[in-house]
C-alpha atoms as a PDB file:
ATOM      1  CA  MET A   1       0.000   0.000   0.000  1.00  0.00           C
ATOM      2  CA  ASP A   2       1.324   3.462  -0.763  1.00  0.00           C
ATOM      3  CA  LYS A   3       1.113   6.413   1.594  1.00  0.00           C
ATOM      4  CA  GLN A   4      -1.630   8.212  -0.380  1.00  0.00           C
ATOM      5  CA  THR A   5      -3.887   5.156  -0.212  1.00  0.00           C
ATOM      6  CA  PHE A   6      -3.301   4.722   3.521  1.00  0.00           C
ATOM      7  CA  GLN A   7      -3.927   8.411   4.206  1.00  0.00           C
ATOM      8  CA  SER A   8      -7.096   8.393   2.114  1.00  0.00           C
ATOM      9  CA  LEU A   9      -8.464   5.295   3.868  1.00  0.00           C
ATOM     10  CA  LEU A  10      -7.683   6.714   7.313  1.00  0.00           C
ATOM     11  CA  THR A  11      -9.192  10.100   6.430  1.00  0.00           C
ATOM     12  CA  GLU A  12     -12.483   8.436   5.484  1.00  0.00           C
ATOM     13  CA  GLU A  13     -12.404   6.263   8.591  1.00  0.00           C
ATOM     14  CA  VAL A  14     -12.007   9.067  11.118  1.00  0.00           C
ATOM     15  CA  LYS A  15     -14.950  11.028   9.742  1.00  0.00           C
ATOM     16  CA  LEU A  16     -17.122   8.667  11.799  1.00  0.00           C
ATOM     17  CA  TYR A  17     -15.260   9.113  15.069  1.00  0.00           C
ATOM     18  CA  LYS A  18     -16.968  12.256  16.349  1.00  0.00           C
ATOM     19  CA  SER A  19     -20.063  10.164  17.020  1.00  0.00           C
ATOM     20  CA  LEU A  20     -17.974   7.781  19.144  1.00  0.00           C
ATOM     21  CA  LEU A  21     -16.844  10.585  21.426  1.00  0.00           C
ATOM     22  CA  GLU A  22     -19.996  12.733  21.656  1.00  0.00           C
ATOM     23  CA  THR A  23     -23.720  12.324  22.063  1.00  0.00           C
ATOM     24  CA  GLU A  24     -26.173  13.754  19.528  1.00  0.00           C
ATOM     25  CA  ASN A  25     -26.262  16.891  21.729  1.00  0.00           C
ATOM     26  CA  ASN A  26     -22.469  17.247  21.433  1.00  0.00           C
ATOM     27  CA  ASP A  27     -21.891  16.177  25.038  1.00  0.00           C
ATOM     28  CA  TRP A  28     -18.815  14.152  25.920  1.00  0.00           C
ATOM     29  CA  ILE A  29     -19.897  10.485  26.223  1.00  0.00           C
ATOM     30  CA  VAL A  30     -17.612   9.733  29.170  1.00  0.00           C
ATOM     31  CA  LYS A  31     -18.818  11.245  32.424  1.00  0.00           C
ATOM     32  CA  GLY A  32     -16.455   9.613  34.876  1.00  0.00           C
ATOM     33  CA  PHE A  33     -14.794   6.499  36.178  1.00  0.00           C
ATOM     34  CA  ILE A  34     -16.400   3.810  38.263  1.00  0.00           C
ATOM     35  CA  ASP A  35     -14.564   1.525  40.660  1.00  0.00           C
ATOM     36  CA  VAL A  36     -15.442  -1.997  41.804  1.00  0.00           C
ATOM     37  CA  ASN A  37     -17.384  -0.560  44.742  1.00  0.00           C
ATOM     38  CA  ARG A  38     -19.492   1.468  42.303  1.00  0.00           C
ATOM     39  CA  ASN A  39     -18.017   4.768  43.435  1.00  0.00           C
ATOM     40  CA  ILE A  40     -18.105   7.274  40.587  1.00  0.00           C
ATOM     41  CA  TYR A  41     -15.376   9.826  39.996  1.00  0.00           C
ATOM     42  CA  THR A  42     -16.068  12.640  37.566  1.00  0.00           C
ATOM     43  CA  ILE A  43     -13.498  13.544  34.953  1.00  0.00           C
ATOM     44  CA  THR A  44     -11.423  16.666  35.299  1.00  0.00           C
ATOM     45  CA  ASN A  45     -10.320  18.908  32.433  1.00  0.00           C
ATOM     46  CA  ASP A  46      -6.792  17.487  32.777  1.00  0.00           C
ATOM     47  CA  THR A  47      -5.581  17.154  29.195  1.00  0.00           C
ATOM     48  CA  LYS A  48      -3.683  13.924  29.902  1.00  0.00           C
ATOM     49  CA  VAL A  49      -6.837  12.265  31.222  1.00  0.00           C
ATOM     50  CA  VAL A  50      -8.943  13.479  28.290  1.00  0.00           C
ATOM     51  CA  SER A  51      -6.287  12.403  25.771  1.00  0.00           C
ATOM     52  CA  LYS A  52      -6.017   8.923  27.267  1.00  0.00           C
ATOM     53  CA  ILE A  53      -9.803   8.450  27.218  1.00  0.00           C
ATOM     54  CA  ILE A  54      -9.879   9.457  23.547  1.00  0.00           C
ATOM     55  CA  GLU A  55      -7.195   6.863  22.795  1.00  0.00           C
ATOM     56  CA  ILE A  56      -8.987   4.146  24.777  1.00  0.00           C
ATOM     57  CA  ILE A  57     -12.192   4.768  22.820  1.00  0.00           C
ATOM     58  CA  LEU A  58     -10.573   5.027  19.379  1.00  0.00           C
ATOM     59  CA  ILE A  59      -7.965   2.247  19.472  1.00  0.00           C
ATOM     60  CA  PRO A  60     -10.516  -0.608  19.081  1.00  0.00           C
ATOM     61  CA  GLN A  61     -12.062   1.261  16.143  1.00  0.00           C
ATOM     62  CA  LEU A  62      -8.656   1.675  14.535  1.00  0.00           C
ATOM     63  CA  ASP A  63      -7.933  -2.013  15.074  1.00  0.00           C
ATOM     64  CA  ASP A  64     -11.159  -2.811  13.180  1.00  0.00           C
ATOM     65  CA  PHE A  65     -10.042  -0.385  10.463  1.00  0.00           C
ATOM     66  CA  ALA A  66      -6.747  -2.274  10.183  1.00  0.00           C
ATOM     67  CA  LYS A  67      -8.453  -5.647   9.854  1.00  0.00           C
ATOM     68  CA  ARG A  68     -10.867  -4.370   7.195  1.00  0.00           C
ATOM     69  CA  HIS A  69      -7.910  -3.210   5.080  1.00  0.00           C
ATOM     70  CA  SER A  70      -5.628  -6.235   5.588  1.00  0.00           C
ATOM     71  CA  LEU A  71      -3.318  -4.336   7.913  1.00  0.00           C
ATOM     72  CA  SER A  72      -1.942  -5.250  11.298  1.00  0.00           C
ATOM     73  CA  MET A  73      -1.882  -2.664  14.056  1.00  0.00           C
ATOM     74  CA  GLU A  74       0.915  -2.479  16.614  1.00  0.00           C
ATOM     75  CA  LEU A  75       1.014  -0.534  19.847  1.00  0.00           C
ATOM     76  CA  PRO A  76       4.368   0.872  20.974  1.00  0.00           C
ATOM     77  CA  SER A  77       6.495  -1.386  23.179  1.00  0.00           C
ATOM     78  CA  ALA A  78       7.053   1.359  25.759  1.00  0.00           C
ATOM     79  CA  GLN A  79       4.927   4.195  27.130  1.00  0.00           C
ATOM     80  CA  ASN A  80       6.741   7.147  25.573  1.00  0.00           C
ATOM     81  CA  PHE A  81       7.602   5.562  22.231  1.00  0.00           C
ATOM     82  CA  TYR A  82       6.628   7.023  18.865  1.00  0.00           C
ATOM     83  CA  PRO A  83       4.160   6.534  17.247  1.00  0.00           C
ATOM     84  CA  ASP A  84       1.017   5.701  19.194  1.00  0.00           C
ATOM     85  CA  LEU A  85       0.039   3.218  16.485  1.00  0.00           C
ATOM     86  CA  THR A  86       1.972   1.475  13.724  1.00  0.00           C
ATOM     87  CA  PHE A  87       0.035  -0.045  10.843  1.00  0.00           C
ATOM     88  CA  LYS A  88       1.745  -2.677   8.712  1.00  0.00           C
ATOM     89  CA  ASP A  89       0.537  -3.955   5.345  1.00  0.00           C
ATOM     90  CA  GLU A  90       1.094  -7.406   3.852  1.00  0.00           C
ATOM     91  CA  GLU A  91       4.256  -6.241   2.056  1.00  0.00           C
ATOM     92  CA  GLY A  92       5.797  -4.977   5.310  1.00  0.00           C
ATOM     93  CA  ASN A  93       5.232  -1.266   4.658  1.00  0.00           C
ATOM     94  CA  ILE A  94       4.660   0.616   7.898  1.00  0.00           C
ATOM     95  CA  PHE A  95       2.610   3.739   8.562  1.00  0.00           C
ATOM     96  CA  ALA A  96       2.794   5.888  11.710  1.00  0.00           C
ATOM     97  CA  VAL A  97      -0.295   7.355  13.362  1.00  0.00           C
ATOM     98  CA  ASP A  98       0.135   9.535  16.421  1.00  0.00           C
ATOM     99  CA  PHE A  99      -2.719  10.846  18.574  1.00  0.00           C
ATOM    100  CA  LYS A 100      -2.711  14.539  19.361  1.00  0.00           C
ATOM    101  CA  SER A 101      -5.432  16.389  21.183  1.00  0.00           C
ATOM    102  CA  SER A 102      -5.956  19.886  22.427  1.00  0.00           C
ATOM    103  CA  TYR A 103      -8.733  22.198  23.464  1.00  0.00           C
ATOM    104  CA  TYR A 104     -10.087  25.488  22.231  1.00  0.00           C
ATOM    105  CA  THR A 105      -9.131  28.480  24.384  1.00  0.00           C
ATOM    106  CA  ASP A 106     -11.851  30.551  22.712  1.00  0.00           C
ATOM    107  CA  GLU A 107     -13.976  30.358  19.566  1.00  0.00           C
ATOM    108  CA  MET A 108     -11.009  30.613  17.184  1.00  0.00           C
ATOM    109  CA  LYS A 109      -7.860  29.581  19.106  1.00  0.00           C
ATOM    110  CA  VAL A 110      -6.463  26.241  20.169  1.00  0.00           C
ATOM    111  CA  ASN A 111      -4.215  25.789  23.191  1.00  0.00           C
ATOM    112  CA  GLY A 112      -1.480  24.134  21.119  1.00  0.00           C
ATOM    113  CA  LEU A 113      -0.021  20.741  20.242  1.00  0.00           C
ATOM    114  CA  THR A 114       3.387  19.158  20.621  1.00  0.00           C
ATOM    115  CA  LEU A 115       4.670  17.003  17.789  1.00  0.00           C
ATOM    116  CA  GLY A 116       7.511  15.102  19.409  1.00  0.00           C
ATOM    117  CA  SER A 117      11.055  15.184  20.641  1.00  0.00           C
ATOM    118  CA  TYR A 118      13.476  16.957  18.348  1.00  0.00           C
ATOM    119  CA  TRP A 119      16.370  15.307  20.204  1.00  0.00           C
ATOM    120  CA  GLY A 120      15.153  11.788  19.506  1.00  0.00           C
ATOM    121  CA  TYR A 121      13.708  10.228  16.372  1.00  0.00           C
ATOM    122  CA  PHE A 122      13.262  13.535  14.483  1.00  0.00           C
ATOM    123  CA  ARG A 123      16.963  14.262  14.607  1.00  0.00           C
ATOM    124  CA  ASN A 124      18.359  10.744  14.105  1.00  0.00           C
ATOM    125  CA  ARG A 125      15.841   9.228  11.723  1.00  0.00           C
ATOM    126  CA  ASN A 126      17.727   6.025  10.932  1.00  0.00           C
ATOM    127  CA  ILE A 127      18.029   4.681  14.481  1.00  0.00           C
ATOM    128  CA  LYS A 128      15.520   3.257  16.933  1.00  0.00           C
ATOM    129  CA  LYS A 129      15.483   5.828  19.713  1.00  0.00           C
ATOM    130  CA  ASN A 130      12.133   5.797  21.530  1.00  0.00           C
ATOM    131  CA  THR A 131      10.604   3.995  18.552  1.00  0.00           C
ATOM    132  CA  ASN A 132      10.053   0.361  17.595  1.00  0.00           C
ATOM    133  CA  TYR A 133      11.159   1.129  14.035  1.00  0.00           C
ATOM    134  CA  PRO A 134      13.470   3.858  12.766  1.00  0.00           C
ATOM    135  CA  TYR A 135      11.536   7.004  11.874  1.00  0.00           C
ATOM    136  CA  SER A 136      12.793   6.798   8.289  1.00  0.00           C
ATOM    137  CA  ASP A 137      11.281   3.301   7.813  1.00  0.00           C
ATOM    138  CA  TYR A 138       7.711   4.611   7.911  1.00  0.00           C
ATOM    139  CA  LYS A 139       6.022   5.290   4.563  1.00  0.00           C
ATOM    140  CA  CYS A 140       4.176   8.208   6.141  1.00  0.00           C
ATOM    141  CA  HIS A 141       3.614   9.925   9.459  1.00  0.00           C
ATOM    142  CA  LEU A 142       0.066  11.024  10.229  1.00  0.00           C
ATOM    143  CA  VAL A 143      -1.463  12.799  13.179  1.00  0.00           C
ATOM    144  CA  LEU A 144      -4.941  11.867  14.289  1.00  0.00           C
ATOM    145  CA  GLY A 145      -5.890  15.195  15.839  1.00  0.00           C
ATOM    146  CA  VAL A 146      -8.838  15.728  18.157  1.00  0.00           C
ATOM    147  CA  LEU A 147      -9.869  19.223  19.199  1.00  0.00           C
ATOM    148  CA  TYR A 148     -12.392  19.626  21.989  1.00  0.00           C
ATOM    149  CA  ARG A 149     -14.027  22.272  24.123  1.00  0.00           C
ATOM    150  CA  GLN A 150     -13.555  22.214  27.851  1.00  0.00           C
ATOM    151  CA  SER A 151     -16.670  22.683  29.912  1.00  0.00           C
ATOM    152  CA  VAL A 152     -17.608  23.065  33.517  1.00  0.00           C
ATOM    153  CA  ILE A 153     -17.054  19.868  35.445  1.00  0.00           C
ATOM    154  CA  ARG A 154     -20.325  18.557  36.819  1.00  0.00           C
ATOM    155  CA  ALA A 155     -21.109  15.652  39.090  1.00  0.00           C
ATOM    156  CA  PHE A 156     -23.572  13.157  37.612  1.00  0.00           C
ATOM    157  CA  PRO A 157     -25.571  10.687  39.663  1.00  0.00           C
ATOM    158  CA  PHE A 158     -25.725   7.230  38.084  1.00  0.00           C
END
């Protein structure tokens, strides 16, 4: 598979993902965490928490995407490795997909995004530094970006 085909397939796929993260009223579908004692903890606006929830919801969908297109999907072998997901086709071509999320600070501005470590795989693209494969081995590098609006945290009885 070439990079244009992969990018096109992924672009079509993610058009459906808004409905996985929001209700029809544009409310966030996740309201909190529940423990084994059925205690409920509401979610904060902490960007790391929100980003991880987005990944947890979307990774199974992306795994289905991979299977439908005869790809395998690999997670990184360590927590801070690039990329978040590696897709591999039957010929061994690999494609990087990295999750990035941020929030709107007002109607027209976004807080910002970080793309990665300049001192690691960006600088030395032929070695495996914080990656499972050298950066240069990937046919393409794509960002799956999610922008969201922060709202007032509310407690919800369940």
